[in-house]
Amino acid sequence: MSLLLTRLFLTLVLTPQPARKERGDVPGWVLITVMTAGLVVAIWALAADQLKSMLEKALDSVTSK
């Protein structure tokens, strides 16, 4: 039984699959990625000092224990 399952698994894994013609919504994913990067940069620019302070407090609380 184990040999049969192994052969079935290898057959399924090693058998080449036909290429899909649909590549998905690439422009949509690019837009999401660019907008996310823009949000990160904007938040970082507005709150850099507060974020630095929060990180320092968090690290100090971990290292002081």
Protein backbone atom coordinates (compact mmCIF):
# COMPACT_ATOMS: atom_id res chain seq x y z
CA MET A 1 0.00 0.00 0.00
CA SER A 2 2.80 2.37 0.90
CA LEU A 3 4.57 1.71 -2.39
CA LEU A 4 1.36 2.39 -4.28
CA LEU A 5 0.86 5.72 -2.48
CA THR A 6 4.48 6.68 -3.09
CA ARG A 7 4.20 5.90 -6.80
CA LEU A 8 0.93 7.84 -7.03
CA PHE A 9 2.44 10.83 -5.24
CA LEU A 10 5.55 10.85 -7.44
CA THR A 11 3.44 10.51 -10.57
CA LEU A 12 1.30 13.48 -9.57
CA VAL A 13 4.27 15.61 -8.56
CA LEU A 14 6.54 14.79 -11.48
CA THR A 15 3.91 14.91 -14.23
CA PRO A 16 4.18 18.24 -16.03
CA GLN A 17 1.06 20.34 -15.73
CA PRO A 18 -0.27 22.24 -18.73
CA ALA A 19 0.59 25.92 -18.65
CA ARG A 20 -2.24 28.20 -17.67
CA LYS A 21 -3.17 30.90 -20.12
CA GLU A 22 -4.50 33.20 -17.43
CA ARG A 23 -1.72 35.00 -15.58
CA GLY A 24 -3.93 36.80 -13.09
CA ASP A 25 -4.44 40.44 -12.38
CA VAL A 26 -0.82 41.63 -12.51
CA PRO A 27 -1.60 45.38 -12.75
CA GLY A 28 -3.85 45.06 -9.71
CA TRP A 29 -1.12 43.43 -7.62
CA VAL A 30 1.40 46.04 -8.76
CA LEU A 31 -0.99 48.79 -7.73
CA ILE A 32 -1.57 47.20 -4.31
CA THR A 33 2.19 46.84 -3.77
CA VAL A 34 2.94 50.42 -4.78
CA MET A 35 0.12 51.80 -2.64
CA THR A 36 1.27 49.76 0.37
CA ALA A 37 4.83 51.04 -0.04
CA GLY A 38 3.48 54.59 -0.31
CA LEU A 39 1.48 54.19 2.89
CA VAL A 40 4.53 52.87 4.74
CA VAL A 41 6.65 55.81 3.57
CA ALA A 42 3.93 58.33 4.47
CA ILE A 43 3.37 56.88 7.95
CA TRP A 44 7.10 56.68 8.53
CA ALA A 45 7.58 60.31 7.47
CA LEU A 46 4.79 61.53 9.75
CA ALA A 47 5.51 59.41 12.80
CA ALA A 48 9.23 58.60 12.66
CA ASP A 49 9.99 60.07 16.09
CA GLN A 50 7.04 58.35 17.76
CA LEU A 51 7.86 55.01 16.13
CA LYS A 52 11.50 55.31 17.22
CA SER A 53 10.43 56.12 20.77
CA MET A 54 8.01 53.15 20.85
CA LEU A 55 10.70 50.80 19.59
CA GLU A 56 13.26 52.03 22.12
CA LYS A 57 10.77 51.64 24.99
CA ALA A 58 9.87 48.13 23.84
CA LEU A 59 13.51 47.09 23.57
CA ASP A 60 14.36 48.66 26.93
CA SER A 61 11.51 46.79 28.62
CA VAL A 62 12.73 43.48 27.19
CA THR A 63 16.39 43.98 28.04
CA SER A 64 15.77 45.32 31.55
CA LYS A 65 13.98 42.16 32.73
